[in-house]
């Protein structure tokens, strides 16, 4: 009886087994979520189609760069763990990570530029607002014009 109480108490004290992690969303599910978020933000149907048209290419480039970055981090950790530390290798791996980071930023910038070129003016403004930029806001009626940049 005491043994069964101890076993029951030990079982109750253990955290419940974690549920199996959910499978990551498929590319189709990710695209559907992305489309829904664009529509919720107010993009026109044409704007949604234009933005979605370039998304697979950008995603593929991003995955390639992510894989390269993960490999570079693994190589950097190995170089840092060496005894003695291979300074030249660590430096080369850090530069490689820096290059990959810059390439990732360019993928996003290139996609934004492509989108700005094909979107209607209202969708352009919305895209820039979504990015945290104001686009080309119109002053309130009767308000003085905004100063030019750099003044």
Protein backbone atom coordinates (compact mmCIF):
# COMPACT_ATOMS: atom_id res chain seq x y z
CA UNK A 1 0.00 0.00 0.00
CA UNK A 2 2.75 2.47 0.91
CA UNK A 3 4.69 1.52 -2.21
CA UNK A 4 1.68 2.22 -4.42
CA UNK A 5 1.16 5.58 -2.71
CA UNK A 6 4.80 6.45 -3.27
CA UNK A 7 4.55 5.43 -6.93
CA UNK A 8 1.37 7.46 -7.36
CA UNK A 9 2.98 10.49 -5.72
CA UNK A 10 6.06 10.15 -7.92
CA UNK A 11 3.89 9.88 -11.03
CA UNK A 12 1.89 12.94 -10.02
CA UNK A 13 5.08 14.92 -9.39
CA UNK A 14 6.45 14.23 -12.87
CA UNK A 15 5.47 16.70 -15.55
CA UNK A 16 3.10 15.38 -18.13
CA UNK A 17 4.74 14.10 -21.26
CA UNK A 18 4.92 16.86 -23.81
CA UNK A 19 2.73 16.42 -26.81
CA UNK A 20 4.51 15.70 -30.03
CA UNK A 21 5.46 18.95 -31.70
CA UNK A 22 3.19 19.94 -34.52
CA UNK A 23 4.56 19.53 -37.99
CA UNK A 24 5.73 22.80 -39.52
CA UNK A 25 3.26 24.30 -41.97
CA UNK A 26 3.62 23.27 -45.58
CA UNK A 27 4.60 25.80 -48.22
CA UNK A 28 0.96 25.92 -49.38
CA UNK A 29 -0.21 26.61 -45.80
CA UNK A 30 2.43 29.33 -45.41
CA UNK A 31 1.33 30.95 -48.67
CA UNK A 32 -2.33 30.83 -47.57
CA UNK A 33 -1.42 32.47 -44.24
CA UNK A 34 0.63 35.10 -46.05
CA UNK A 35 -2.22 35.81 -48.46
CA UNK A 36 -4.66 36.12 -45.56
CA UNK A 37 -2.37 38.57 -43.74
CA UNK A 38 -2.06 40.71 -46.90
CA UNK A 39 -5.83 40.81 -47.32
CA UNK A 40 -6.29 41.68 -43.63
CA UNK A 41 -3.91 44.60 -44.07
CA UNK A 42 -6.08 45.90 -46.91
CA UNK A 43 -4.10 45.13 -50.06
CA UNK A 44 -6.14 45.01 -53.26
CA UNK A 45 -6.67 41.72 -55.09
CA UNK A 46 -4.15 42.80 -57.74
CA UNK A 47 -1.67 43.78 -55.01
CA UNK A 48 -2.05 40.43 -53.26
CA UNK A 49 -1.46 38.58 -56.55
CA UNK A 50 1.61 40.70 -57.34
CA UNK A 51 3.18 40.18 -53.94
CA UNK A 52 2.40 36.45 -53.88
CA UNK A 53 3.91 36.00 -57.34
CA UNK A 54 7.41 36.71 -56.03
CA UNK A 55 7.05 34.99 -52.67
CA UNK A 56 8.13 31.45 -53.73
CA UNK A 57 11.34 32.73 -55.30
CA UNK A 58 12.18 34.80 -52.24
CA UNK A 59 11.36 31.90 -49.93
CA UNK A 60 13.62 29.57 -51.91
CA UNK A 61 16.47 32.07 -51.78
CA UNK A 62 15.89 32.53 -48.05
CA UNK A 63 15.96 28.78 -47.40
CA UNK A 64 19.20 28.43 -49.37
CA UNK A 65 20.83 31.24 -47.44
CA UNK A 66 19.52 29.85 -44.14
CA UNK A 67 21.11 26.48 -44.92
CA UNK A 68 24.39 28.19 -45.80
CA UNK A 69 24.22 30.20 -42.58
CA UNK A 70 23.60 27.11 -40.47
CA UNK A 71 26.60 25.40 -42.09
CA UNK A 72 28.75 28.46 -41.48
CA UNK A 73 27.72 28.57 -37.81
CA UNK A 74 28.59 24.88 -37.42
CA UNK A 75 32.01 25.50 -39.00
CA UNK A 76 32.53 28.54 -36.80
CA UNK A 77 31.74 26.56 -33.66
CA UNK A 78 34.18 23.83 -34.72
CA UNK A 79 36.89 26.39 -35.39
CA UNK A 80 36.25 28.10 -32.06
CA UNK A 81 36.42 24.76 -30.22
CA UNK A 82 39.79 23.85 -31.72
CA UNK A 83 42.80 23.89 -29.46
CA UNK A 84 44.57 26.13 -30.29
CA UNK A 85 41.90 28.34 -31.82
CA UNK A 86 42.38 28.67 -35.57
CA UNK A 87 42.13 32.46 -35.77
CA UNK A 88 42.32 32.56 -39.57
CA UNK A 89 39.49 30.04 -39.89
CA UNK A 90 37.34 31.81 -37.28
CA UNK A 91 37.88 35.09 -39.11
CA UNK A 92 36.96 33.56 -42.48
CA UNK A 93 33.83 31.96 -41.00
CA UNK A 94 32.77 35.28 -39.42
CA UNK A 95 33.20 37.02 -42.79
CA UNK A 96 31.17 34.28 -44.47
CA UNK A 97 28.35 34.78 -41.93
CA UNK A 98 28.52 38.50 -42.53
CA UNK A 99 28.19 37.95 -46.30
CA UNK A 100 25.23 35.59 -45.83
CA UNK A 101 23.49 38.15 -43.59
CA UNK A 102 23.99 40.83 -46.24
CA UNK A 103 22.61 38.51 -48.92
CA UNK A 104 19.51 37.85 -46.80
CA UNK A 105 18.94 41.58 -46.44
CA UNK A 106 19.32 42.03 -50.21
CA UNK A 107 16.70 39.33 -50.88
CA UNK A 108 14.19 41.30 -48.82
CA UNK A 109 15.18 44.63 -50.35
CA UNK A 110 14.98 43.25 -53.89
CA UNK A 111 11.52 41.84 -53.21
CA UNK A 112 10.33 45.17 -51.84
CA UNK A 113 11.66 47.04 -54.88
CA UNK A 114 9.97 44.57 -57.26
CA UNK A 115 6.71 44.95 -55.38
CA UNK A 116 6.90 48.74 -55.39
CA UNK A 117 7.41 48.69 -59.15
CA UNK A 118 4.28 46.63 -59.89
CA UNK A 119 1.83 47.75 -57.20
CA UNK A 120 -0.79 50.45 -57.57
CA UNK A 121 -0.19 53.69 -55.66
CA UNK A 122 -2.57 52.80 -52.79
CA UNK A 123 -0.90 49.39 -52.42
CA UNK A 124 2.56 51.01 -52.56
CA UNK A 125 1.60 53.30 -49.70
CA UNK A 126 0.18 50.37 -47.75
CA UNK A 127 3.35 48.33 -48.29
CA UNK A 128 5.52 51.19 -47.09
CA UNK A 129 3.25 51.77 -44.07
CA UNK A 130 3.41 48.05 -43.28
CA UNK A 131 7.19 48.33 -43.28
CA UNK A 132 7.01 51.20 -40.80
CA UNK A 133 7.63 53.87 -43.40
CA UNK A 134 5.21 56.64 -44.18
CA UNK A 135 5.52 56.49 -47.95
CA UNK A 136 4.53 59.87 -49.32
CA UNK A 137 1.93 61.14 -46.84
CA UNK A 138 -0.29 64.01 -47.88
CA UNK A 139 -0.39 66.96 -45.47
CA UNK A 140 -3.69 67.78 -43.83
CA UNK A 141 -5.71 70.43 -45.68
CA UNK A 142 -4.40 73.88 -44.76
CA UNK A 143 -1.23 72.49 -43.17
CA UNK A 144 2.13 73.79 -44.41
CA UNK A 145 4.05 71.35 -46.62
CA UNK A 146 6.57 69.12 -44.93
CA UNK A 147 10.20 70.25 -45.25
CA UNK A 148 12.29 68.49 -47.86
CA UNK A 149 14.59 65.72 -46.56
CA UNK A 150 17.84 67.01 -45.14
CA UNK A 151 16.53 70.45 -44.29
